Amino acid sequence: INKTTNNKVEREKILDAIRKEGKKQTKQEFIFKPYKF
């Protein structure tokens, strides 16, 4: 949920994969604010 120095790279890779999927499904670019991660 919270970005830290230990998880920031992996966290960004995961969010990038979801952004790509969101754009593919909806044709829109999103920003995500996770409440469970």
Full PDB file with SEQRES, HELIX, SHEET, SSBOND, CRYST1, ORIGX, SCALE, CONECT and MASTER records, all heavy atoms in Angstrom:
SEQRES   1 A   37  ILE ASN LYS THR THR ASN ASN LYS VAL GLU ARG GLU LYS          
SEQRES   2 A   37  ILE LEU ASP ALA ILE ARG LYS GLU GLY LYS LYS GLN THR          
SEQRES   3 A   37  LYS GLN GLU PHE ILE PHE LYS PRO TYR LYS PHE                  
HELIX    1 AA1 LYS A    8  THR A   26  1                                  19    
CRYST1    1.000    1.000    1.000  90.00  90.00  90.00 P 1           1          
ORIGX1      1.000000  0.000000  0.000000        0.00000                         
ORIGX2      0.000000  1.000000  0.000000        0.00000                         
ORIGX3      0.000000  0.000000  1.000000        0.00000                         
SCALE1      1.000000  0.000000  0.000000        0.00000                         
SCALE2      0.000000  1.000000  0.000000        0.00000                         
SCALE3      0.000000  0.000000  1.000000        0.00000                         
ATOM      1  N   ILE A   1       0.845  -1.205   0.000  1.00  0.00           N  
ATOM      2  CA  ILE A   1       0.000   0.000   0.000  1.00  0.00           C  
ATOM      3  C   ILE A   1       0.875   1.247   0.000  1.00  0.00           C  
ATOM      4  O   ILE A   1       0.667   2.167  -0.783  1.00  0.00           O  
ATOM      5  CB  ILE A   1      -0.940   0.022   1.228  1.00  0.00           C  
ATOM      6  CG1 ILE A   1      -2.084  -0.958   1.033  1.00  0.00           C  
ATOM      7  CG2 ILE A   1      -1.491   1.400   1.496  1.00  0.00           C  
ATOM      8  CD1 ILE A   1      -3.187  -0.478   0.138  1.00  0.00           C  
ATOM      9  N   ASN A   2       1.820   1.289   0.897  1.00  0.00           N  
ATOM     10  CA  ASN A   2       2.714   2.444   0.994  1.00  0.00           C  
ATOM     11  C   ASN A   2       4.009   2.161   0.242  1.00  0.00           C  
ATOM     12  O   ASN A   2       4.621   1.113   0.411  1.00  0.00           O  
ATOM     13  CB  ASN A   2       3.031   2.761   2.460  1.00  0.00           C  
ATOM     14  CG  ASN A   2       1.777   3.109   3.227  1.00  0.00           C  
ATOM     15  OD1 ASN A   2       1.003   3.954   2.798  1.00  0.00           O  
ATOM     16  ND2 ASN A   2       1.557   2.439   4.340  1.00  0.00           N  
ATOM     17  N   LYS A   3       4.413   3.107  -0.585  1.00  0.00           N  
ATOM     18  CA  LYS A   3       5.669   2.974  -1.318  1.00  0.00           C  
ATOM     19  C   LYS A   3       6.830   3.187  -0.351  1.00  0.00           C  
ATOM     20  O   LYS A   3       6.846   4.151   0.402  1.00  0.00           O  
ATOM     21  CB  LYS A   3       5.744   3.998  -2.445  1.00  0.00           C  
ATOM     22  CG  LYS A   3       6.954   3.804  -3.326  1.00  0.00           C  
ATOM     23  CD  LYS A   3       7.192   4.793  -4.445  1.00  0.00           C  
ATOM     24  CE  LYS A   3       6.096   5.650  -4.886  1.00  0.00           C  
ATOM     25  NZ  LYS A   3       6.434   6.549  -5.989  1.00  0.00           N  
ATOM     26  N   THR A   4       7.779   2.259  -0.388  1.00  0.00           N  
ATOM     27  CA  THR A   4       8.980   2.362   0.441  1.00  0.00           C  
ATOM     28  C   THR A   4      10.205   2.184  -0.457  1.00  0.00           C  
ATOM     29  O   THR A   4      10.084   1.794  -1.617  1.00  0.00           O  
ATOM     30  CB  THR A   4       9.001   1.273   1.536  1.00  0.00           C  
ATOM     31  OG1 THR A   4       9.144  -0.015   0.902  1.00  0.00           O  
ATOM     32  CG2 THR A   4       7.748   1.295   2.390  1.00  0.00           C  
ATOM     33  N   THR A   5      11.373   2.427   0.093  1.00  0.00           N  
ATOM     34  CA  THR A   5      12.591   2.214  -0.685  1.00  0.00           C  
ATOM     35  C   THR A   5      12.754   0.732  -1.030  1.00  0.00           C  
ATOM     36  O   THR A   5      13.318   0.406  -2.063  1.00  0.00           O  
ATOM     37  CB  THR A   5      13.834   2.717   0.076  1.00  0.00           C  
ATOM     38  OG1 THR A   5      13.881   2.108   1.359  1.00  0.00           O  
ATOM     39  CG2 THR A   5      13.814   4.220   0.222  1.00  0.00           C  
ATOM     40  N   ASN A   6      12.234  -0.151  -0.178  1.00  0.00           N  
ATOM     41  CA  ASN A   6      12.354  -1.591  -0.422  1.00  0.00           C  
ATOM     42  C   ASN A   6      11.409  -2.107  -1.502  1.00  0.00           C  
ATOM     43  O   ASN A   6      11.706  -3.100  -2.157  1.00  0.00           O  
ATOM     44  CB  ASN A   6      12.107  -2.384   0.869  1.00  0.00           C  
ATOM     45  CG  ASN A   6      13.206  -2.175   1.872  1.00  0.00           C  
ATOM     46  OD1 ASN A   6      14.339  -1.890   1.522  1.00  0.00           O  
ATOM     47  ND2 ASN A   6      12.872  -2.312   3.140  1.00  0.00           N  
ATOM     48  N   ASN A   7      10.238  -1.469  -1.674  1.00  0.00           N  
ATOM     49  CA  ASN A   7       9.255  -2.018  -2.605  1.00  0.00           C  
ATOM     50  C   ASN A   7       8.979  -1.145  -3.830  1.00  0.00           C  
ATOM     51  O   ASN A   7       8.208  -1.539  -4.702  1.00  0.00           O  
ATOM     52  CB  ASN A   7       7.941  -2.318  -1.885  1.00  0.00           C  
ATOM     53  CG  ASN A   7       7.147  -1.085  -1.508  1.00  0.00           C  
ATOM     54  OD1 ASN A   7       7.335   0.009  -2.025  1.00  0.00           O  
ATOM     55  ND2 ASN A   7       6.221  -1.262  -0.583  1.00  0.00           N  
ATOM     56  N   LYS A   8       9.576   0.038  -3.911  1.00  0.00           N  
ATOM     57  CA  LYS A   8       9.171   0.993  -4.949  1.00  0.00           C  
ATOM     58  C   LYS A   8       9.355   0.480  -6.372  1.00  0.00           C  
ATOM     59  O   LYS A   8       8.509   0.718  -7.227  1.00  0.00           O  
ATOM     60  CB  LYS A   8       9.844   2.352  -4.758  1.00  0.00           C  
ATOM     61  CG  LYS A   8      11.319   2.389  -5.010  1.00  0.00           C  
ATOM     62  CD  LYS A   8      11.877   3.785  -4.793  1.00  0.00           C  
ATOM     63  CE  LYS A   8      13.368   3.806  -5.030  1.00  0.00           C  
ATOM     64  NZ  LYS A   8      13.905   5.141  -4.849  1.00  0.00           N  
ATOM     65  N   VAL A   9      10.411  -0.238  -6.665  1.00  0.00           N  
ATOM     66  CA  VAL A   9      10.648  -0.729  -8.024  1.00  0.00           C  
ATOM     67  C   VAL A   9       9.614  -1.797  -8.388  1.00  0.00           C  
ATOM     68  O   VAL A   9       8.962  -1.722  -9.430  1.00  0.00           O  
ATOM     69  CB  VAL A   9      12.087  -1.272  -8.179  1.00  0.00           C  
ATOM     70  CG1 VAL A   9      12.263  -1.969  -9.516  1.00  0.00           C  
ATOM     71  CG2 VAL A   9      13.096  -0.149  -8.014  1.00  0.00           C  
ATOM     72  N   GLU A  10       9.454  -2.773  -7.515  1.00  0.00           N  
ATOM     73  CA  GLU A  10       8.494  -3.862  -7.772  1.00  0.00           C  
ATOM     74  C   GLU A  10       7.061  -3.328  -7.792  1.00  0.00           C  
ATOM     75  O   GLU A  10       6.250  -3.720  -8.631  1.00  0.00           O  
ATOM     76  CB  GLU A  10       8.646  -4.939  -6.691  1.00  0.00           C  
ATOM     77  CG  GLU A  10       8.239  -6.295  -7.128  1.00  0.00           C  
ATOM     78  CD  GLU A  10       9.150  -6.903  -8.195  1.00  0.00           C  
ATOM     79  OE1 GLU A  10      10.236  -6.379  -8.490  1.00  0.00           O  
ATOM     80  OE2 GLU A  10       8.751  -7.922  -8.756  1.00  0.00           O  
ATOM     81  N   ARG A  11       6.759  -2.413  -6.896  1.00  0.00           N  
ATOM     82  CA  ARG A  11       5.430  -1.792  -6.832  1.00  0.00           C  
ATOM     83  C   ARG A  11       5.102  -1.096  -8.145  1.00  0.00           C  
ATOM     84  O   ARG A  11       4.008  -1.235  -8.679  1.00  0.00           O  
ATOM     85  CB  ARG A  11       5.403  -0.796  -5.664  1.00  0.00           C  
ATOM     86  CG  ARG A  11       4.067  -0.200  -5.345  1.00  0.00           C  
ATOM     87  CD  ARG A  11       4.228   0.758  -4.149  1.00  0.00           C  
ATOM     88  NE  ARG A  11       2.971   1.173  -3.607  1.00  0.00           N  
ATOM     89  CZ  ARG A  11       2.225   2.173  -4.077  1.00  0.00           C  
ATOM     90  NH1 ARG A  11       2.628   2.851  -5.131  1.00  0.00           N  
ATOM     91  NH2 ARG A  11       1.081   2.483  -3.522  1.00  0.00           N  
ATOM     92  N   GLU A  12       6.051  -0.379  -8.692  1.00  0.00           N  
ATOM     93  CA  GLU A  12       5.845   0.342  -9.951  1.00  0.00           C  
ATOM     94  C   GLU A  12       5.648  -0.624 -11.113  1.00  0.00           C  
ATOM     95  O   GLU A  12       4.810  -0.387 -11.993  1.00  0.00           O  
ATOM     96  CB  GLU A  12       7.016   1.285 -10.224  1.00  0.00           C  
ATOM     97  CG  GLU A  12       6.747   2.292 -11.293  1.00  0.00           C  
ATOM     98  CD  GLU A  12       5.624   3.272 -10.967  1.00  0.00           C  
ATOM     99  OE1 GLU A  12       5.370   3.560  -9.779  1.00  0.00           O  
ATOM    100  OE2 GLU A  12       4.975   3.758 -11.912  1.00  0.00           O  
ATOM    101  N   LYS A  13       6.386  -1.726 -11.127  1.00  0.00           N  
ATOM    102  CA  LYS A  13       6.224  -2.729 -12.185  1.00  0.00           C  
ATOM    103  C   LYS A  13       4.813  -3.328 -12.156  1.00  0.00           C  
ATOM    104  O   LYS A  13       4.207  -3.543 -13.205  1.00  0.00           O  
ATOM    105  CB  LYS A  13       7.265  -3.833 -12.040  1.00  0.00           C  
ATOM    106  CG  LYS A  13       8.663  -3.411 -12.412  1.00  0.00           C  
ATOM    107  CD  LYS A  13       9.642  -4.551 -12.198  1.00  0.00           C  
ATOM    108  CE  LYS A  13      11.067  -4.139 -12.497  1.00  0.00           C  
ATOM    109  NZ  LYS A  13      12.015  -5.249 -12.280  1.00  0.00           N  
ATOM    110  N   ILE A  14       4.313  -3.589 -10.960  1.00  0.00           N  
ATOM    111  CA  ILE A  14       2.966  -4.146 -10.822  1.00  0.00           C  
ATOM    112  C   ILE A  14       1.929  -3.133 -11.291  1.00  0.00           C  
ATOM    113  O   ILE A  14       1.020  -3.462 -12.064  1.00  0.00           O  
ATOM    114  CB  ILE A  14       2.713  -4.576  -9.355  1.00  0.00           C  
ATOM    115  CG1 ILE A  14       3.627  -5.750  -8.985  1.00  0.00           C  
ATOM    116  CG2 ILE A  14       1.244  -4.937  -9.150  1.00  0.00           C  
ATOM    117  CD1 ILE A  14       3.698  -6.041  -7.500  1.00  0.00           C  
ATOM    118  N   LEU A  15       2.067  -1.892 -10.846  1.00  0.00           N  
ATOM    119  CA  LEU A  15       1.121  -0.853 -11.262  1.00  0.00           C  
ATOM    120  C   LEU A  15       1.194  -0.596 -12.768  1.00  0.00           C  
ATOM    121  O   LEU A  15       0.160  -0.363 -13.407  1.00  0.00           O  
ATOM    122  CB  LEU A  15       1.358   0.436 -10.474  1.00  0.00           C  
ATOM    123  CG  LEU A  15       0.939   0.378  -9.004  1.00  0.00           C  
ATOM    124  CD1 LEU A  15       1.432   1.611  -8.263  1.00  0.00           C  
ATOM    125  CD2 LEU A  15      -0.559   0.223  -8.865  1.00  0.00           C  
ATOM    126  N   ASP A  16       2.377  -0.659 -13.349  1.00  0.00           N  
ATOM    127  CA  ASP A  16       2.512  -0.495 -14.794  1.00  0.00           C  
ATOM    128  C   ASP A  16       1.739  -1.584 -15.546  1.00  0.00           C  
ATOM    129  O   ASP A  16       1.091  -1.307 -16.558  1.00  0.00           O  
ATOM    130  CB  ASP A  16       3.979  -0.520 -15.225  1.00  0.00           C  
ATOM    131  CG  ASP A  16       4.717   0.769 -14.912  1.00  0.00           C  
ATOM    132  OD1 ASP A  16       4.056   1.798 -14.626  1.00  0.00           O  
ATOM    133  OD2 ASP A  16       5.970   0.747 -14.950  1.00  0.00           O  
ATOM    134  N   ALA A  17       1.823  -2.814 -15.051  1.00  0.00           N  
ATOM    135  CA  ALA A  17       1.085  -3.916 -15.690  1.00  0.00           C  
ATOM    136  C   ALA A  17      -0.426  -3.671 -15.621  1.00  0.00           C  
ATOM    137  O   ALA A  17      -1.145  -3.924 -16.593  1.00  0.00           O  
ATOM    138  CB  ALA A  17       1.441  -5.241 -15.024  1.00  0.00           C  
ATOM    139  N   ILE A  18      -0.891  -3.132 -14.493  1.00  0.00           N  
ATOM    140  CA  ILE A  18      -2.328  -2.855 -14.350  1.00  0.00           C  
ATOM    141  C   ILE A  18      -2.726  -1.663 -15.223  1.00  0.00           C  
ATOM    142  O   ILE A  18      -3.801  -1.665 -15.832  1.00  0.00           O  
ATOM    143  CB  ILE A  18      -2.690  -2.612 -12.880  1.00  0.00           C  
ATOM    144  CG1 ILE A  18      -2.409  -3.870 -12.072  1.00  0.00           C  
ATOM    145  CG2 ILE A  18      -4.161  -2.231 -12.747  1.00  0.00           C  
ATOM    146  CD1 ILE A  18      -2.490  -3.658 -10.593  1.00  0.00           C  
ATOM    147  N   ARG A  19      -1.885  -0.659 -15.291  1.00  0.00           N  
ATOM    148  CA  ARG A  19      -2.172   0.489 -16.162  1.00  0.00           C  
ATOM    149  C   ARG A  19      -2.334   0.042 -17.616  1.00  0.00           C  
ATOM    150  O   ARG A  19      -3.250   0.474 -18.321  1.00  0.00           O  
ATOM    151  CB  ARG A  19      -1.053   1.529 -16.076  1.00  0.00           C  
ATOM    152  CG  ARG A  19      -1.049   2.323 -14.809  1.00  0.00           C  
ATOM    153  CD  ARG A  19       0.046   3.412 -14.864  1.00  0.00           C  
ATOM    154  NE  ARG A  19       0.299   3.884 -13.531  1.00  0.00           N  
ATOM    155  CZ  ARG A  19       1.345   3.552 -12.778  1.00  0.00           C  
ATOM    156  NH1 ARG A  19       2.291   2.768 -13.261  1.00  0.00           N  
ATOM    157  NH2 ARG A  19       1.483   4.026 -11.563  1.00  0.00           N  
ATOM    158  N   LYS A  20      -1.437  -0.816 -18.046  1.00  0.00           N  
ATOM    159  CA  LYS A  20      -1.487  -1.330 -19.417  1.00  0.00           C  
ATOM    160  C   LYS A  20      -2.799  -2.087 -19.647  1.00  0.00           C  
ATOM    161  O   LYS A  20      -3.443  -1.905 -20.682  1.00  0.00           O  
ATOM    162  CB  LYS A  20      -0.282  -2.238 -19.658  1.00  0.00           C  
ATOM    163  CG  LYS A  20      -0.167  -2.777 -21.049  1.00  0.00           C  
ATOM    164  CD  LYS A  20       1.093  -3.614 -21.190  1.00  0.00           C  
ATOM    165  CE  LYS A  20       1.187  -4.239 -22.566  1.00  0.00           C  
ATOM    166  NZ  LYS A  20       2.377  -5.086 -22.685  1.00  0.00           N  
ATOM    167  N   GLU A  21      -3.179  -2.916 -18.699  1.00  0.00           N  
ATOM    168  CA  GLU A  21      -4.429  -3.681 -18.815  1.00  0.00           C  
ATOM    169  C   GLU A  21      -5.645  -2.751 -18.800  1.00  0.00           C  
ATOM    170  O   GLU A  21      -6.592  -2.943 -19.562  1.00  0.00           O  
ATOM    171  CB  GLU A  21      -4.539  -4.720 -17.690  1.00  0.00           C  
ATOM    172  CG  GLU A  21      -5.753  -5.605 -17.778  1.00  0.00           C  
ATOM    173  CD  GLU A  21      -5.772  -6.527 -18.989  1.00  0.00           C  
ATOM    174  OE1 GLU A  21      -4.699  -6.829 -19.552  1.00  0.00           O  
ATOM    175  OE2 GLU A  21      -6.878  -6.965 -19.371  1.00  0.00           O  
ATOM    176  N   GLY A  22      -5.617  -1.740 -17.940  1.00  0.00           N  
ATOM    177  CA  GLY A  22      -6.716  -0.775 -17.878  1.00  0.00           C  
ATOM    178  C   GLY A  22      -6.889  -0.047 -19.199  1.00  0.00           C  
ATOM    179  O   GLY A  22      -8.013   0.142 -19.676  1.00  0.00           O  
ATOM    180  N   LYS A  23      -5.789   0.362 -19.791  1.00  0.00           N  
ATOM    181  CA  LYS A  23      -5.849   1.056 -21.079  1.00  0.00           C  
ATOM    182  C   LYS A  23      -6.366   0.122 -22.169  1.00  0.00           C  
ATOM    183  O   LYS A  23      -7.161   0.512 -23.024  1.00  0.00           O  
ATOM    184  CB  LYS A  23      -4.484   1.617 -21.450  1.00  0.00           C  
ATOM    185  CG  LYS A  23      -4.523   2.493 -22.674  1.00  0.00           C  
ATOM    186  CD  LYS A  23      -3.204   3.186 -22.929  1.00  0.00           C  
ATOM    187  CE  LYS A  23      -3.325   4.096 -24.146  1.00  0.00           C  
ATOM    188  NZ  LYS A  23      -2.076   4.787 -24.419  1.00  0.00           N  
ATOM    189  N   LYS A  24      -5.918  -1.133 -22.131  1.00  0.00           N  
ATOM    190  CA  LYS A  24      -6.351  -2.123 -23.113  1.00  0.00           C  
ATOM    191  C   LYS A  24      -7.863  -2.357 -23.015  1.00  0.00           C  
ATOM    192  O   LYS A  24      -8.552  -2.399 -24.032  1.00  0.00           O  
ATOM    193  CB  LYS A  24      -5.601  -3.440 -22.872  1.00  0.00           C  
ATOM    194  CG  LYS A  24      -5.981  -4.578 -23.772  1.00  0.00           C  
ATOM    195  CD  LYS A  24      -5.141  -5.798 -23.428  1.00  0.00           C  
ATOM    196  CE  LYS A  24      -5.805  -7.078 -23.828  1.00  0.00           C  
ATOM    197  NZ  LYS A  24      -5.069  -8.247 -23.350  1.00  0.00           N  
ATOM    198  N   GLN A  25      -8.376  -2.472 -21.792  1.00  0.00           N  
ATOM    199  CA  GLN A  25      -9.797  -2.773 -21.601  1.00  0.00           C  
ATOM    200  C   GLN A  25     -10.703  -1.565 -21.806  1.00  0.00           C  
ATOM    201  O   GLN A  25     -11.828  -1.721 -22.257  1.00  0.00           O  
ATOM    202  CB  GLN A  25     -10.044  -3.343 -20.202  1.00  0.00           C  
ATOM    203  CG  GLN A  25      -9.583  -4.756 -20.014  1.00  0.00           C  
ATOM    204  CD  GLN A  25     -10.041  -5.329 -18.683  1.00  0.00           C  
ATOM    205  OE1 GLN A  25     -11.023  -4.917 -18.096  1.00  0.00           O  
ATOM    206  NE2 GLN A  25      -9.304  -6.318 -18.201  1.00  0.00           N  
ATOM    207  N   THR A  26     -10.237  -0.374 -21.459  1.00  0.00           N  
ATOM    208  CA  THR A  26     -11.141   0.785 -21.437  1.00  0.00           C  
ATOM    209  C   THR A  26     -10.746   1.916 -22.384  1.00  0.00           C  
ATOM    210  O   THR A  26     -11.483   2.891 -22.500  1.00  0.00           O  
ATOM    211  CB  THR A  26     -11.230   1.367 -20.018  1.00  0.00           C  
ATOM    212  OG1 THR A  26      -9.965   1.932 -19.669  1.00  0.00           O  
ATOM    213  CG2 THR A  26     -11.650   0.320 -18.998  1.00  0.00           C  
ATOM    214  N   LYS A  27      -9.574   1.837 -22.993  1.00  0.00           N  
ATOM    215  CA  LYS A  27      -9.062   2.887 -23.894  1.00  0.00           C  
ATOM    216  C   LYS A  27      -8.851   4.221 -23.167  1.00  0.00           C  
ATOM    217  O   LYS A  27      -8.946   5.286 -23.760  1.00  0.00           O  
ATOM    218  CB  LYS A  27      -9.999   3.105 -25.098  1.00  0.00           C  
ATOM    219  CG  LYS A  27     -10.437   1.859 -25.815  1.00  0.00           C  
ATOM    220  CD  LYS A  27      -9.287   1.135 -26.471  1.00  0.00           C  
ATOM    221  CE  LYS A  27      -9.763  -0.037 -27.299  1.00  0.00           C  
ATOM    222  NZ  LYS A  27      -9.683  -1.326 -26.698  1.00  0.00           N  
ATOM    223  N   GLN A  28      -8.568   4.155 -21.856  1.00  0.00           N  
ATOM    224  CA  GLN A  28      -8.302   5.346 -21.047  1.00  0.00           C  
ATOM    225  C   GLN A  28      -7.047   5.088 -20.220  1.00  0.00           C  
ATOM    226  O   GLN A  28      -6.732   3.946 -19.902  1.00  0.00           O  
ATOM    227  CB  GLN A  28      -9.475   5.640 -20.104  1.00  0.00           C  
ATOM    228  CG  GLN A  28     -10.782   5.904 -20.833  1.00  0.00           C  
ATOM    229  CD  GLN A  28     -11.938   6.052 -19.870  1.00  0.00           C  
ATOM    230  OE1 GLN A  28     -12.045   7.065 -19.198  1.00  0.00           O  
ATOM    231  NE2 GLN A  28     -12.794   5.044 -19.805  1.00  0.00           N  
ATOM    232  N   GLU A  29      -6.337   6.162 -19.863  1.00  0.00           N  
ATOM    233  CA  GLU A  29      -5.152   6.028 -19.012  1.00  0.00           C  
ATOM    234  C   GLU A  29      -5.530   6.408 -17.590  1.00  0.00           C  
ATOM    235  O   GLU A  29      -6.169   7.440 -17.365  1.00  0.00           O  
ATOM    236  CB  GLU A  29      -4.022   6.906 -19.537  1.00  0.00           C  
ATOM    237  CG  GLU A  29      -3.477   6.417 -20.857  1.00  0.00           C  
ATOM    238  CD  GLU A  29      -2.250   7.174 -21.302  1.00  0.00           C  
ATOM    239  OE1 GLU A  29      -1.927   8.220 -20.712  1.00  0.00           O  
ATOM    240  OE2 GLU A  29      -1.606   6.694 -22.249  1.00  0.00           O  
ATOM    241  N   PHE A  30      -5.108   5.574 -16.645  1.00  0.00           N  
ATOM    242  CA  PHE A  30      -5.526   5.744 -15.265  1.00  0.00           C  
ATOM    243  C   PHE A  30      -4.368   5.961 -14.297  1.00  0.00           C  
ATOM    244  O   PHE A  30      -3.237   5.566 -14.545  1.00  0.00           O  
ATOM    245  CB  PHE A  30      -6.291   4.507 -14.788  1.00  0.00           C  
ATOM    246  CG  PHE A  30      -7.551   4.232 -15.535  1.00  0.00           C  
ATOM    247  CD1 PHE A  30      -7.758   3.012 -16.128  1.00  0.00           C  
ATOM    248  CD2 PHE A  30      -8.543   5.200 -15.643  1.00  0.00           C  
ATOM    249  CE1 PHE A  30      -8.934   2.737 -16.810  1.00  0.00           C  
ATOM    250  CE2 PHE A  30      -9.723   4.943 -16.321  1.00  0.00           C  
ATOM    251  CZ  PHE A  30      -9.913   3.709 -16.904  1.00  0.00           C  
ATOM    252  N   ILE A  31      -4.740   6.542 -13.169  1.00  0.00           N  
ATOM    253  CA  ILE A  31      -3.902   6.607 -11.978  1.00  0.00           C  
ATOM    254  C   ILE A  31      -4.634   5.761 -10.942  1.00  0.00           C  
ATOM    255  O   ILE A  31      -5.845   5.871 -10.780  1.00  0.00           O  
ATOM    256  CB  ILE A  31      -3.756   8.054 -11.471  1.00  0.00           C  
ATOM    257  CG1 ILE A  31      -2.982   8.891 -12.506  1.00  0.00           C  
ATOM    258  CG2 ILE A  31      -3.056   8.088 -10.114  1.00  0.00           C  
ATOM    259  CD1 ILE A  31      -2.945  10.362 -12.172  1.00  0.00           C  
ATOM    260  N   PHE A  32      -3.882   4.917 -10.244  1.00  0.00           N  
ATOM    261  CA  PHE A  32      -4.488   4.037  -9.257  1.00  0.00           C  
ATOM    262  C   PHE A  32      -4.109   4.470  -7.848  1.00  0.00           C  
ATOM    263  O   PHE A  32      -2.966   4.830  -7.593  1.00  0.00           O  
ATOM    264  CB  PHE A  32      -4.031   2.597  -9.481  1.00  0.00           C  
ATOM    265  CG  PHE A  32      -4.476   2.046 -10.796  1.00  0.00           C  
ATOM    266  CD1 PHE A  32      -3.601   1.938 -11.855  1.00  0.00           C  
ATOM    267  CD2 PHE A  32      -5.784   1.647 -10.985  1.00  0.00           C  
ATOM    268  CE1 PHE A  32      -4.003   1.431 -13.076  1.00  0.00           C  
ATOM    269  CE2 PHE A  32      -6.212   1.138 -12.196  1.00  0.00           C  
ATOM    270  CZ  PHE A  32      -5.316   1.033 -13.246  1.00  0.00           C  
ATOM    271  N   LYS A  33      -5.086   4.402  -6.957  1.00  0.00           N  
ATOM    272  CA  LYS A  33      -4.856   4.634  -5.539  1.00  0.00           C  
ATOM    273  C   LYS A  33      -5.326   3.375  -4.800  1.00  0.00           C  
ATOM    274  O   LYS A  33      -6.483   3.254  -4.411  1.00  0.00           O  
ATOM    275  CB  LYS A  33      -5.628   5.864  -5.053  1.00  0.00           C  
ATOM    276  CG  LYS A  33      -5.356   6.188  -3.610  1.00  0.00           C  
ATOM    277  CD  LYS A  33      -6.125   7.406  -3.166  1.00  0.00           C  
ATOM    278  CE  LYS A  33      -5.897   7.654  -1.686  1.00  0.00           C  
ATOM    279  NZ  LYS A  33      -6.793   8.683  -1.174  1.00  0.00           N  
ATOM    280  N   PRO A  34      -4.410   2.403  -4.638  1.00  0.00           N  
ATOM    281  CA  PRO A  34      -4.800   1.120  -4.035  1.00  0.00           C  
ATOM    282  C   PRO A  34      -5.226   1.249  -2.575  1.00  0.00           C  
ATOM    283  O   PRO A  34      -4.634   2.020  -1.814  1.00  0.00           O  
ATOM    284  CB  PRO A  34      -3.531   0.275  -4.129  1.00  0.00           C  
ATOM    285  CG  PRO A  34      -2.674   0.954  -5.134  1.00  0.00           C  
ATOM    286  CD  PRO A  34      -3.014   2.400  -5.062  1.00  0.00           C  
ATOM    287  N   TYR A  35      -6.244   0.496  -2.208  1.00  0.00           N  
ATOM    288  CA  TYR A  35      -6.619   0.376  -0.804  1.00  0.00           C  
ATOM    289  C   TYR A  35      -6.374  -1.049  -0.304  1.00  0.00           C  
ATOM    290  O   TYR A  35      -6.500  -1.319   0.878  1.00  0.00           O  
ATOM    291  CB  TYR A  35      -8.057   0.834  -0.526  1.00  0.00           C  
ATOM    292  CG  TYR A  35      -9.122   0.277  -1.430  1.00  0.00           C  
ATOM    293  CD1 TYR A  35      -9.752  -0.920  -1.142  1.00  0.00           C  
ATOM    294  CD2 TYR A  35      -9.515   0.967  -2.565  1.00  0.00           C  
ATOM    295  CE1 TYR A  35     -10.736  -1.426  -1.963  1.00  0.00           C  
ATOM    296  CE2 TYR A  35     -10.504   0.477  -3.394  1.00  0.00           C  
ATOM    297  CZ  TYR A  35     -11.114  -0.724  -3.083  1.00  0.00           C  
ATOM    298  OH  TYR A  35     -12.098  -1.220  -3.910  1.00  0.00           O  
ATOM    299  N   LYS A  36      -5.996  -1.942  -1.194  1.00  0.00           N  
ATOM    300  CA  LYS A  36      -5.480  -3.270  -0.849  1.00  0.00           C  
ATOM    301  C   LYS A  36      -4.429  -3.593  -1.902  1.00  0.00           C  
ATOM    302  O   LYS A  36      -4.693  -3.496  -3.101  1.00  0.00           O  
ATOM    303  CB  LYS A  36      -6.588  -4.313  -0.860  1.00  0.00           C  
ATOM    304  CG  LYS A  36      -6.126  -5.672  -0.375  1.00  0.00           C  
ATOM    305  CD  LYS A  36      -7.252  -6.681  -0.352  1.00  0.00           C  
ATOM    306  CE  LYS A  36      -8.166  -6.382   0.806  1.00  0.00           C  
ATOM    307  NZ  LYS A  36      -9.170  -7.427   1.010  1.00  0.00           N  
ATOM    308  N   PHE A  37      -3.220  -3.926  -1.462  1.00  0.00           N  
ATOM    309  CA  PHE A  37      -2.118  -4.167  -2.394  1.00  0.00           C  
ATOM    310  C   PHE A  37      -1.208  -5.203  -1.743  1.00  0.00           C  
ATOM    311  O   PHE A  37      -0.245  -4.872  -1.062  1.00  0.00           O  
ATOM    312  CB  PHE A  37      -1.382  -2.854  -2.637  1.00  0.00           C  
ATOM    313  CG  PHE A  37      -0.452  -2.838  -3.827  1.00  0.00           C  
ATOM    314  CD1 PHE A  37      -0.251  -1.661  -4.520  1.00  0.00           C  
ATOM    315  CD2 PHE A  37       0.238  -3.960  -4.245  1.00  0.00           C  
ATOM    316  CE1 PHE A  37       0.608  -1.594  -5.614  1.00  0.00           C  
ATOM    317  CE2 PHE A  37       1.095  -3.919  -5.329  1.00  0.00           C  
ATOM    318  CZ  PHE A  37       1.279  -2.730  -6.015  1.00  0.00           C  
TER     319      PHE A  37                                                      
MASTER        0    0    0    1    0    0    0    6  318    1    0    3          
END                                                                             
